[in-house]
N, C-alpha and C. Protein backbone atom coordinates (compact mmCIF):
# COMPACT_ATOMS: atom_id res chain seq x y z
N LEU A 1 4.01 -4.60 19.20
CA LEU A 1 4.36 -4.87 17.81
C LEU A 1 5.49 -5.89 17.76
N ALA A 2 5.25 -6.94 17.04
CA ALA A 2 6.22 -8.02 16.94
C ALA A 2 6.77 -8.09 15.52
N PRO A 3 7.95 -8.69 15.36
CA PRO A 3 8.49 -8.87 14.01
C PRO A 3 7.47 -9.56 13.10
N GLY A 4 7.33 -9.02 11.90
CA GLY A 4 6.37 -9.52 10.94
C GLY A 4 5.09 -8.71 10.88
N ASN A 5 4.83 -7.90 11.92
CA ASN A 5 3.67 -7.00 11.90
C ASN A 5 4.03 -5.77 11.06
N ALA A 6 3.06 -5.28 10.31
CA ALA A 6 3.33 -4.16 9.42
C ALA A 6 2.16 -3.19 9.42
N VAL A 7 2.44 -2.01 8.89
CA VAL A 7 1.42 -0.98 8.68
C VAL A 7 1.55 -0.49 7.24
N THR A 8 0.41 -0.43 6.56
CA THR A 8 0.34 0.21 5.25
C THR A 8 -0.53 1.43 5.39
N SER A 9 -0.01 2.57 5.00
CA SER A 9 -0.77 3.81 4.98
C SER A 9 -1.19 4.09 3.54
N LEU A 10 -2.51 4.10 3.32
CA LEU A 10 -3.07 4.33 1.99
C LEU A 10 -3.60 5.75 1.92
N GLY A 11 -2.72 6.64 1.56
CA GLY A 11 -3.12 8.02 1.34
C GLY A 11 -2.93 8.34 -0.12
N SER A 12 -2.51 9.56 -0.41
CA SER A 12 -2.26 9.91 -1.81
C SER A 12 -1.14 9.03 -2.37
N THR A 13 -0.25 8.59 -1.49
CA THR A 13 0.79 7.62 -1.82
C THR A 13 0.59 6.39 -0.94
N THR A 14 1.41 5.36 -1.13
CA THR A 14 1.31 4.14 -0.32
C THR A 14 2.61 3.95 0.43
N ALA A 15 2.55 3.98 1.75
CA ALA A 15 3.75 3.82 2.58
C ALA A 15 3.64 2.53 3.39
N LEU A 16 4.74 1.77 3.41
CA LEU A 16 4.80 0.49 4.13
C LEU A 16 5.84 0.57 5.23
N LYS A 17 5.53 0.00 6.39
CA LYS A 17 6.49 -0.16 7.48
C LYS A 17 6.31 -1.55 8.06
N LEU A 18 7.39 -2.30 8.17
CA LEU A 18 7.38 -3.67 8.67
C LEU A 18 8.34 -3.77 9.84
N VAL A 19 7.89 -4.35 10.96
CA VAL A 19 8.79 -4.62 12.08
C VAL A 19 9.63 -5.82 11.69
N SER A 20 10.95 -5.62 11.68
CA SER A 20 11.87 -6.67 11.23
C SER A 20 13.00 -6.85 12.22
N GLU A 21 13.44 -8.09 12.36
CA GLU A 21 14.61 -8.36 13.20
C GLU A 21 15.90 -7.96 12.48
N THR A 22 15.80 -7.76 11.17
CA THR A 22 16.96 -7.46 10.33
C THR A 22 16.83 -6.07 9.74
N ARG A 23 17.89 -5.31 9.83
CA ARG A 23 17.93 -4.00 9.16
C ARG A 23 18.09 -4.22 7.66
N VAL A 24 17.33 -3.46 6.88
CA VAL A 24 17.40 -3.54 5.42
C VAL A 24 17.45 -2.13 4.87
N ASP A 25 18.47 -1.84 4.09
CA ASP A 25 18.59 -0.56 3.39
C ASP A 25 19.01 -0.87 1.96
N ASP A 26 18.32 -0.28 1.00
CA ASP A 26 18.65 -0.51 -0.40
C ASP A 26 18.14 0.67 -1.22
N ALA A 27 19.03 1.58 -1.56
CA ALA A 27 18.66 2.78 -2.31
C ALA A 27 18.10 2.43 -3.69
N ILE A 28 18.52 1.31 -4.25
CA ILE A 28 18.06 0.94 -5.59
C ILE A 28 16.56 0.67 -5.59
N THR A 29 16.03 0.13 -4.51
CA THR A 29 14.59 -0.14 -4.44
C THR A 29 13.87 0.82 -3.49
N GLY A 30 14.55 1.79 -2.94
CA GLY A 30 13.91 2.76 -2.07
C GLY A 30 13.58 2.23 -0.69
N VAL A 31 14.31 1.21 -0.21
CA VAL A 31 14.07 0.60 1.10
C VAL A 31 14.98 1.26 2.13
N TYR A 32 14.41 1.56 3.30
CA TYR A 32 15.19 2.15 4.39
C TYR A 32 14.72 1.59 5.73
N SER A 33 15.54 1.76 6.77
CA SER A 33 15.23 1.23 8.10
C SER A 33 15.43 2.29 9.16
N HIS A 34 14.62 2.20 10.21
CA HIS A 34 14.75 3.02 11.42
C HIS A 34 14.76 2.07 12.61
N ARG A 35 15.57 2.37 13.61
CA ARG A 35 15.62 1.55 14.82
C ARG A 35 14.28 1.63 15.54
N PHE A 36 13.83 0.49 16.06
CA PHE A 36 12.57 0.40 16.78
C PHE A 36 12.75 -0.59 17.91
N ASP A 37 13.03 -0.09 19.13
CA ASP A 37 13.36 -0.94 20.27
C ASP A 37 14.50 -1.88 19.87
N ASP A 38 14.29 -3.19 20.00
CA ASP A 38 15.33 -4.15 19.64
C ASP A 38 15.19 -4.65 18.20
N ALA A 39 14.34 -3.99 17.42
CA ALA A 39 14.09 -4.41 16.04
C ALA A 39 14.28 -3.20 15.12
N TRP A 40 13.79 -3.35 13.91
CA TRP A 40 13.88 -2.30 12.90
C TRP A 40 12.52 -2.08 12.27
N LEU A 41 12.22 -0.83 11.94
CA LEU A 41 11.09 -0.52 11.08
C LEU A 41 11.66 -0.39 9.68
N VAL A 42 11.35 -1.35 8.83
CA VAL A 42 11.86 -1.41 7.47
C VAL A 42 10.71 -1.00 6.56
N GLY A 43 11.00 -0.17 5.58
CA GLY A 43 9.89 0.22 4.72
C GLY A 43 10.29 1.01 3.51
N GLY A 44 9.26 1.51 2.88
CA GLY A 44 9.42 2.33 1.69
C GLY A 44 8.10 3.01 1.39
N ALA A 45 8.14 3.95 0.47
CA ALA A 45 6.93 4.69 0.10
C ALA A 45 6.85 4.80 -1.41
N SER A 46 5.73 4.36 -1.94
CA SER A 46 5.48 4.39 -3.38
C SER A 46 4.76 5.68 -3.76
N ASN A 47 5.02 6.16 -4.94
CA ASN A 47 4.26 7.29 -5.47
C ASN A 47 2.86 6.87 -5.91
N ALA A 48 2.64 5.58 -6.08
CA ALA A 48 1.32 5.07 -6.43
C ALA A 48 0.46 5.04 -5.17
N GLY A 49 -0.77 5.45 -5.29
CA GLY A 49 -1.65 5.45 -4.14
C GLY A 49 -3.03 5.95 -4.50
N CYS A 50 -3.77 6.32 -3.49
CA CYS A 50 -5.17 6.70 -3.68
C CYS A 50 -5.34 8.04 -4.41
N ARG A 51 -4.26 8.77 -4.59
CA ARG A 51 -4.34 10.01 -5.38
C ARG A 51 -4.89 9.73 -6.77
N VAL A 52 -4.60 8.55 -7.30
CA VAL A 52 -5.07 8.19 -8.64
C VAL A 52 -6.60 8.16 -8.70
N LEU A 53 -7.25 7.88 -7.58
CA LEU A 53 -8.71 7.86 -7.56
C LEU A 53 -9.28 9.26 -7.80
N ARG A 54 -8.61 10.27 -7.26
CA ARG A 54 -9.02 11.67 -7.51
C ARG A 54 -8.70 12.06 -8.95
N HIS A 55 -7.61 11.54 -9.47
CA HIS A 55 -7.22 11.79 -10.86
C HIS A 55 -8.33 11.31 -11.81
N PHE A 56 -9.02 10.23 -11.42
CA PHE A 56 -10.14 9.71 -12.21
C PHE A 56 -11.48 10.31 -11.76
N ASP A 57 -11.42 11.33 -10.90
CA ASP A 57 -12.60 12.08 -10.46
C ASP A 57 -13.62 11.26 -9.69
N PHE A 58 -13.16 10.23 -8.96
CA PHE A 58 -14.08 9.48 -8.10
C PHE A 58 -14.43 10.32 -6.88
N THR A 59 -15.71 10.42 -6.58
CA THR A 59 -16.17 11.12 -5.39
C THR A 59 -16.24 10.13 -4.23
N GLU A 60 -16.35 10.65 -3.01
CA GLU A 60 -16.51 9.78 -1.84
C GLU A 60 -17.76 8.91 -2.00
N ALA A 61 -18.84 9.50 -2.51
CA ALA A 61 -20.08 8.74 -2.69
C ALA A 61 -19.88 7.61 -3.70
N GLU A 62 -19.17 7.88 -4.80
CA GLU A 62 -18.91 6.83 -5.78
C GLU A 62 -18.05 5.72 -5.20
N LEU A 63 -17.02 6.10 -4.43
CA LEU A 63 -16.15 5.09 -3.82
C LEU A 63 -16.97 4.15 -2.93
N ALA A 64 -17.87 4.72 -2.15
CA ALA A 64 -18.71 3.90 -1.27
C ALA A 64 -19.69 3.05 -2.07
N ASP A 65 -20.24 3.61 -3.14
CA ASP A 65 -21.25 2.91 -3.94
C ASP A 65 -20.65 1.85 -4.86
N LEU A 66 -19.47 2.11 -5.41
CA LEU A 66 -18.89 1.23 -6.43
C LEU A 66 -17.92 0.19 -5.89
N SER A 67 -17.44 0.36 -4.65
CA SER A 67 -16.47 -0.58 -4.10
C SER A 67 -17.04 -1.95 -3.77
N PRO A 68 -18.26 -2.04 -3.23
CA PRO A 68 -18.79 -3.37 -2.93
C PRO A 68 -18.78 -4.27 -4.17
N GLY A 69 -18.44 -5.51 -3.93
CA GLY A 69 -18.37 -6.46 -5.03
C GLY A 69 -16.98 -6.62 -5.61
N LEU A 70 -16.00 -5.89 -5.05
CA LEU A 70 -14.62 -6.08 -5.50
C LEU A 70 -14.25 -7.54 -5.24
N ASP A 71 -13.83 -8.22 -6.28
CA ASP A 71 -13.50 -9.64 -6.19
C ASP A 71 -12.24 -9.84 -5.35
N ALA A 72 -12.38 -10.54 -4.23
CA ALA A 72 -11.23 -10.78 -3.35
C ALA A 72 -10.13 -11.58 -4.04
N ASP A 73 -10.49 -12.32 -5.09
CA ASP A 73 -9.50 -13.12 -5.82
C ASP A 73 -8.94 -12.40 -7.03
N ALA A 74 -9.29 -11.13 -7.22
CA ALA A 74 -8.81 -10.38 -8.38
C ALA A 74 -7.30 -10.25 -8.37
N THR A 75 -6.73 -10.36 -9.55
CA THR A 75 -5.29 -10.13 -9.73
C THR A 75 -5.11 -8.99 -10.72
N ASN A 76 -3.90 -8.51 -10.83
CA ASN A 76 -3.62 -7.37 -11.68
C ASN A 76 -3.26 -7.82 -13.10
N GLY A 77 -4.16 -8.57 -13.72
CA GLY A 77 -3.92 -9.07 -15.07
C GLY A 77 -3.77 -7.97 -16.09
N ALA A 78 -4.36 -6.81 -15.83
CA ALA A 78 -4.26 -5.68 -16.76
C ALA A 78 -2.92 -4.95 -16.62
N GLY A 79 -2.15 -5.29 -15.59
CA GLY A 79 -0.85 -4.64 -15.40
C GLY A 79 -0.94 -3.18 -15.00
N ILE A 80 -2.02 -2.81 -14.31
CA ILE A 80 -2.21 -1.41 -13.89
C ILE A 80 -1.08 -1.02 -12.92
N TYR A 81 -0.45 0.12 -13.19
CA TYR A 81 0.52 0.71 -12.26
C TYR A 81 0.03 2.13 -12.01
N PRO A 82 -0.68 2.35 -10.88
CA PRO A 82 -1.49 3.56 -10.69
C PRO A 82 -0.72 4.80 -10.24
N LEU A 83 0.19 5.24 -11.06
CA LEU A 83 0.86 6.52 -10.84
C LEU A 83 0.06 7.62 -11.52
N VAL A 84 0.11 8.81 -10.96
CA VAL A 84 -0.53 9.97 -11.59
C VAL A 84 0.47 10.66 -12.51
N ASN A 85 1.74 10.61 -12.14
CA ASN A 85 2.82 11.22 -12.92
C ASN A 85 3.94 10.21 -13.13
N GLU A 86 4.83 10.54 -14.01
CA GLU A 86 6.02 9.72 -14.24
C GLU A 86 6.88 9.68 -12.98
N GLY A 87 7.47 8.51 -12.70
CA GLY A 87 8.44 8.39 -11.62
C GLY A 87 7.96 7.58 -10.43
N GLU A 88 8.80 6.66 -9.98
CA GLU A 88 8.51 5.80 -8.83
C GLU A 88 9.74 5.73 -7.94
N ARG A 89 9.52 5.56 -6.63
CA ARG A 89 10.63 5.49 -5.68
C ARG A 89 10.69 4.16 -4.95
N PHE A 90 9.56 3.42 -4.88
CA PHE A 90 9.50 2.14 -4.19
C PHE A 90 8.26 1.41 -4.69
N PRO A 91 8.28 0.16 -4.96
CA PRO A 91 9.30 -0.85 -4.68
C PRO A 91 10.45 -0.91 -5.67
N VAL A 92 10.41 -0.08 -6.68
CA VAL A 92 11.56 0.09 -7.56
C VAL A 92 11.80 1.59 -7.69
N ASN A 93 13.04 1.99 -7.57
CA ASN A 93 13.39 3.40 -7.66
C ASN A 93 13.69 3.72 -9.12
N ASP A 94 12.70 4.28 -9.84
CA ASP A 94 12.82 4.51 -11.27
C ASP A 94 12.17 5.85 -11.61
N ALA A 95 12.99 6.86 -11.81
CA ALA A 95 12.49 8.20 -12.11
C ALA A 95 11.72 8.25 -13.43
N ALA A 96 11.93 7.28 -14.30
CA ALA A 96 11.25 7.26 -15.60
C ALA A 96 10.04 6.31 -15.63
N LYS A 97 9.70 5.68 -14.50
CA LYS A 97 8.57 4.74 -14.47
C LYS A 97 7.31 5.45 -14.95
N GLN A 98 6.62 4.82 -15.89
CA GLN A 98 5.41 5.40 -16.48
C GLN A 98 4.15 4.84 -15.83
N PRO A 99 3.13 5.67 -15.67
CA PRO A 99 1.84 5.16 -15.20
C PRO A 99 1.27 4.18 -16.23
N ARG A 100 0.54 3.20 -15.73
CA ARG A 100 -0.25 2.33 -16.60
C ARG A 100 -1.65 2.32 -16.01
N LEU A 101 -2.56 3.01 -16.69
CA LEU A 101 -3.89 3.26 -16.16
C LEU A 101 -4.96 2.72 -17.10
N PRO A 102 -6.13 2.38 -16.55
CA PRO A 102 -7.23 1.97 -17.42
C PRO A 102 -7.72 3.16 -18.24
N ALA A 103 -8.32 2.87 -19.38
CA ALA A 103 -8.90 3.93 -20.20
C ALA A 103 -10.09 4.54 -19.46
N ARG A 104 -10.23 5.84 -19.59
CA ARG A 104 -11.39 6.51 -18.98
C ARG A 104 -12.64 6.17 -19.79
N ASN A 105 -13.69 5.78 -19.07
CA ASN A 105 -14.96 5.46 -19.71
C ASN A 105 -16.04 5.54 -18.65
N ASP A 106 -16.89 6.56 -18.73
CA ASP A 106 -17.90 6.78 -17.70
C ASP A 106 -18.93 5.65 -17.62
N LEU A 107 -19.02 4.81 -18.65
CA LEU A 107 -19.96 3.69 -18.61
C LEU A 107 -19.45 2.54 -17.77
N TYR A 108 -18.15 2.54 -17.47
CA TYR A 108 -17.53 1.43 -16.75
C TYR A 108 -16.80 1.90 -15.50
N ARG A 109 -17.41 2.81 -14.75
CA ARG A 109 -16.76 3.39 -13.57
C ARG A 109 -16.42 2.32 -12.53
N ARG A 110 -17.34 1.38 -12.28
CA ARG A 110 -17.09 0.33 -11.28
C ARG A 110 -15.87 -0.50 -11.68
N GLU A 111 -15.79 -0.91 -12.93
CA GLU A 111 -14.67 -1.73 -13.41
C GLU A 111 -13.36 -0.96 -13.31
N ILE A 112 -13.40 0.32 -13.66
CA ILE A 112 -12.19 1.15 -13.59
C ILE A 112 -11.74 1.27 -12.14
N LEU A 113 -12.68 1.55 -11.24
CA LEU A 113 -12.33 1.64 -9.82
C LEU A 113 -11.70 0.34 -9.34
N HIS A 114 -12.31 -0.79 -9.67
CA HIS A 114 -11.79 -2.07 -9.22
C HIS A 114 -10.40 -2.32 -9.79
N GLU A 115 -10.15 -1.96 -11.05
CA GLU A 115 -8.80 -2.12 -11.62
C GLU A 115 -7.79 -1.25 -10.88
N LEU A 116 -8.17 -0.02 -10.54
CA LEU A 116 -7.25 0.87 -9.82
C LEU A 116 -6.95 0.33 -8.42
N LEU A 117 -7.98 -0.14 -7.70
CA LEU A 117 -7.76 -0.68 -6.36
C LEU A 117 -6.85 -1.91 -6.40
N VAL A 118 -7.09 -2.79 -7.36
CA VAL A 118 -6.24 -3.98 -7.49
C VAL A 118 -4.82 -3.56 -7.88
N GLY A 119 -4.68 -2.54 -8.69
CA GLY A 119 -3.34 -2.04 -9.04
C GLY A 119 -2.59 -1.52 -7.83
N ILE A 120 -3.28 -0.78 -6.95
CA ILE A 120 -2.64 -0.30 -5.72
C ILE A 120 -2.28 -1.48 -4.83
N SER A 121 -3.18 -2.48 -4.74
CA SER A 121 -2.88 -3.69 -3.97
C SER A 121 -1.64 -4.39 -4.49
N ASP A 122 -1.49 -4.42 -5.79
CA ASP A 122 -0.33 -5.07 -6.41
C ASP A 122 0.95 -4.34 -6.05
N VAL A 123 0.92 -3.01 -6.04
CA VAL A 123 2.10 -2.24 -5.64
C VAL A 123 2.44 -2.54 -4.18
N GLU A 124 1.42 -2.62 -3.32
CA GLU A 124 1.64 -2.97 -1.91
C GLU A 124 2.31 -4.34 -1.80
N ALA A 125 1.77 -5.32 -2.52
CA ALA A 125 2.34 -6.68 -2.47
C ALA A 125 3.77 -6.69 -2.99
N ARG A 126 4.04 -5.96 -4.06
CA ARG A 126 5.42 -5.87 -4.58
C ARG A 126 6.34 -5.24 -3.54
N GLY A 127 5.81 -4.26 -2.80
CA GLY A 127 6.62 -3.62 -1.77
C GLY A 127 7.01 -4.59 -0.66
N TYR A 128 6.04 -5.35 -0.16
CA TYR A 128 6.37 -6.31 0.89
C TYR A 128 7.28 -7.42 0.37
N ARG A 129 7.12 -7.81 -0.90
CA ARG A 129 8.05 -8.80 -1.49
C ARG A 129 9.45 -8.21 -1.58
N ALA A 130 9.57 -6.93 -1.94
CA ALA A 130 10.88 -6.29 -2.02
C ALA A 130 11.57 -6.30 -0.66
N LEU A 131 10.81 -6.08 0.41
CA LEU A 131 11.39 -6.12 1.76
C LEU A 131 11.85 -7.53 2.09
N ALA A 132 11.01 -8.52 1.82
CA ALA A 132 11.36 -9.92 2.11
C ALA A 132 12.56 -10.37 1.28
N ASP A 133 12.59 -9.98 0.01
CA ASP A 133 13.69 -10.38 -0.87
C ASP A 133 15.04 -9.83 -0.40
N ARG A 134 15.00 -8.78 0.40
CA ARG A 134 16.23 -8.17 0.90
C ARG A 134 16.54 -8.58 2.33
N GLY A 135 15.79 -9.55 2.84
CA GLY A 135 16.13 -10.13 4.14
C GLY A 135 15.29 -9.68 5.32
N ALA A 136 14.25 -8.89 5.10
CA ALA A 136 13.39 -8.48 6.21
C ALA A 136 12.62 -9.68 6.75
N THR A 137 12.20 -9.59 7.98
CA THR A 137 11.37 -10.61 8.61
C THR A 137 10.11 -10.82 7.77
N PRO A 138 9.69 -12.07 7.57
CA PRO A 138 8.49 -12.33 6.77
C PRO A 138 7.24 -11.64 7.33
N LEU A 139 6.40 -11.17 6.43
CA LEU A 139 5.14 -10.51 6.76
C LEU A 139 4.19 -11.49 7.44
N VAL A 140 3.59 -11.04 8.57
CA VAL A 140 2.63 -11.86 9.32
C VAL A 140 1.24 -11.24 9.31
N SER A 141 1.17 -9.91 9.42
CA SER A 141 -0.12 -9.22 9.43
C SER A 141 0.09 -7.76 9.06
N VAL A 142 -0.99 -7.13 8.58
CA VAL A 142 -0.94 -5.72 8.19
C VAL A 142 -2.09 -4.98 8.86
N ALA A 143 -1.76 -3.90 9.56
CA ALA A 143 -2.77 -2.93 10.01
C ALA A 143 -2.72 -1.81 8.98
N THR A 144 -3.86 -1.33 8.57
CA THR A 144 -3.88 -0.35 7.49
C THR A 144 -4.53 0.95 7.95
N ALA A 145 -3.96 2.05 7.51
CA ALA A 145 -4.43 3.38 7.88
C ALA A 145 -4.64 4.20 6.62
N GLY A 146 -5.25 5.35 6.77
CA GLY A 146 -5.51 6.22 5.64
C GLY A 146 -6.92 6.01 5.11
N GLY A 147 -7.30 6.84 4.16
CA GLY A 147 -8.65 6.79 3.62
C GLY A 147 -9.03 5.43 3.06
N GLY A 148 -8.11 4.75 2.40
CA GLY A 148 -8.39 3.46 1.80
C GLY A 148 -8.60 2.35 2.80
N ALA A 149 -8.22 2.57 4.05
CA ALA A 149 -8.32 1.53 5.08
C ALA A 149 -9.76 1.22 5.45
N LYS A 150 -10.67 2.13 5.18
CA LYS A 150 -12.06 1.98 5.61
C LYS A 150 -12.88 1.07 4.71
N ASN A 151 -12.30 0.60 3.61
CA ASN A 151 -13.04 -0.16 2.61
C ASN A 151 -12.89 -1.67 2.87
N PRO A 152 -13.93 -2.33 3.41
CA PRO A 152 -13.81 -3.74 3.77
C PRO A 152 -13.60 -4.67 2.57
N ASP A 153 -14.21 -4.36 1.43
CA ASP A 153 -14.02 -5.19 0.24
C ASP A 153 -12.57 -5.12 -0.23
N TRP A 154 -12.01 -3.94 -0.20
CA TRP A 154 -10.62 -3.77 -0.62
C TRP A 154 -9.67 -4.44 0.38
N ARG A 155 -9.96 -4.32 1.68
CA ARG A 155 -9.13 -5.01 2.68
C ARG A 155 -9.12 -6.51 2.44
N ALA A 156 -10.27 -7.08 2.10
CA ALA A 156 -10.35 -8.52 1.83
C ALA A 156 -9.51 -8.88 0.60
N GLN A 157 -9.58 -8.07 -0.44
CA GLN A 157 -8.80 -8.33 -1.65
C GLN A 157 -7.30 -8.21 -1.35
N ARG A 158 -6.91 -7.20 -0.59
CA ARG A 158 -5.50 -7.02 -0.22
C ARG A 158 -5.02 -8.18 0.64
N SER A 159 -5.85 -8.64 1.57
CA SER A 159 -5.49 -9.77 2.43
C SER A 159 -5.21 -11.00 1.59
N ARG A 160 -6.07 -11.27 0.62
CA ARG A 160 -5.86 -12.42 -0.26
C ARG A 160 -4.58 -12.25 -1.07
N MET A 161 -4.31 -11.06 -1.59
CA MET A 161 -3.13 -10.85 -2.40
C MET A 161 -1.84 -10.95 -1.56
N LEU A 162 -1.90 -10.46 -0.31
CA LEU A 162 -0.73 -10.51 0.57
C LEU A 162 -0.57 -11.84 1.27
N GLY A 163 -1.66 -12.59 1.43
CA GLY A 163 -1.61 -13.86 2.12
C GLY A 163 -1.54 -13.75 3.62
N VAL A 164 -1.93 -12.58 4.16
CA VAL A 164 -1.95 -12.36 5.62
C VAL A 164 -3.18 -11.54 5.96
N PRO A 165 -3.60 -11.54 7.23
CA PRO A 165 -4.73 -10.69 7.62
C PRO A 165 -4.41 -9.20 7.42
N VAL A 166 -5.40 -8.46 6.93
CA VAL A 166 -5.30 -7.01 6.80
C VAL A 166 -6.47 -6.42 7.57
N VAL A 167 -6.17 -5.65 8.62
CA VAL A 167 -7.20 -5.06 9.47
C VAL A 167 -7.03 -3.55 9.50
N GLU A 168 -8.12 -2.86 9.77
CA GLU A 168 -8.06 -1.41 9.91
C GLU A 168 -7.33 -1.08 11.20
N ALA A 169 -6.36 -0.16 11.12
CA ALA A 169 -5.59 0.24 12.31
C ALA A 169 -6.52 0.85 13.35
N SER A 170 -6.23 0.58 14.62
CA SER A 170 -7.07 1.12 15.69
C SER A 170 -6.96 2.63 15.77
N ASN A 171 -5.82 3.19 15.37
CA ASN A 171 -5.65 4.64 15.30
C ASN A 171 -4.85 4.93 14.04
N GLY A 172 -5.52 5.49 13.04
CA GLY A 172 -4.89 5.73 11.74
C GLY A 172 -4.27 7.10 11.60
N ASP A 173 -4.20 7.88 12.68
CA ASP A 173 -3.64 9.22 12.62
C ASP A 173 -2.11 9.15 12.58
N ALA A 174 -1.50 9.76 11.56
CA ALA A 174 -0.04 9.74 11.42
C ALA A 174 0.65 10.35 12.63
N ALA A 175 0.04 11.36 13.23
CA ALA A 175 0.62 11.99 14.41
C ALA A 175 0.70 11.00 15.56
N PHE A 176 -0.27 10.08 15.66
CA PHE A 176 -0.26 9.06 16.71
C PHE A 176 0.97 8.17 16.56
N GLY A 177 1.23 7.71 15.34
CA GLY A 177 2.40 6.87 15.09
C GLY A 177 3.69 7.59 15.42
N ALA A 178 3.80 8.85 15.06
CA ALA A 178 5.00 9.64 15.36
C ALA A 178 5.16 9.79 16.87
N ALA A 179 4.06 9.99 17.60
CA ALA A 179 4.13 10.13 19.04
C ALA A 179 4.59 8.83 19.70
N VAL A 180 4.10 7.69 19.22
CA VAL A 180 4.51 6.39 19.76
C VAL A 180 6.01 6.21 19.56
N LEU A 181 6.50 6.52 18.37
CA LEU A 181 7.93 6.39 18.09
C LEU A 181 8.74 7.33 18.98
N GLY A 182 8.23 8.55 19.19
CA GLY A 182 8.92 9.49 20.05
C GLY A 182 9.02 9.01 21.49
N LEU A 183 7.97 8.40 21.99
CA LEU A 183 7.97 7.87 23.35
C LEU A 183 8.97 6.73 23.53
N ARG A 184 9.20 5.99 22.44
CA ARG A 184 10.14 4.87 22.51
C ARG A 184 11.58 5.33 22.39
N GLY A 185 11.76 6.60 22.13
CA GLY A 185 13.11 7.16 22.08
C GLY A 185 13.76 6.92 20.78
């Protein structure tokens, strides 16, 4: 792992970790650092994540069926902020942050799913910008883990939004990452 390499875990929440030559800590934006060999793991965790997909009652079959065709050039023009409840911790630490979600409409499930995925991508991009704005090493690539990592259309859209390659992590198990960190002391 070299400076600029990062991992995004897309679970019920969205967690970012970036290998940085510079330590960055900022309670106002929820950014923290851990020592990693001669570098730092700089990151944060958003309350926004794939949990919102369950909130909209998307099944695994629907996610697989409706995800293809996600526009890689899509932007978050609707301003979706996919929280399930009030409150955010990263990329802005705001206990009063309100969700901004698409209207529920069973006739437009594909469009709603695409808006939610792009909204999560936008939170990820804001997170990496928050790290860079505070002096972290610039983002070079992202390995992604968690349930959302398996979606190739979404990975392509996230890659375009982040401006770097986004690939599925070779081992997405959180215990694996903890074990690697433990071995490094």
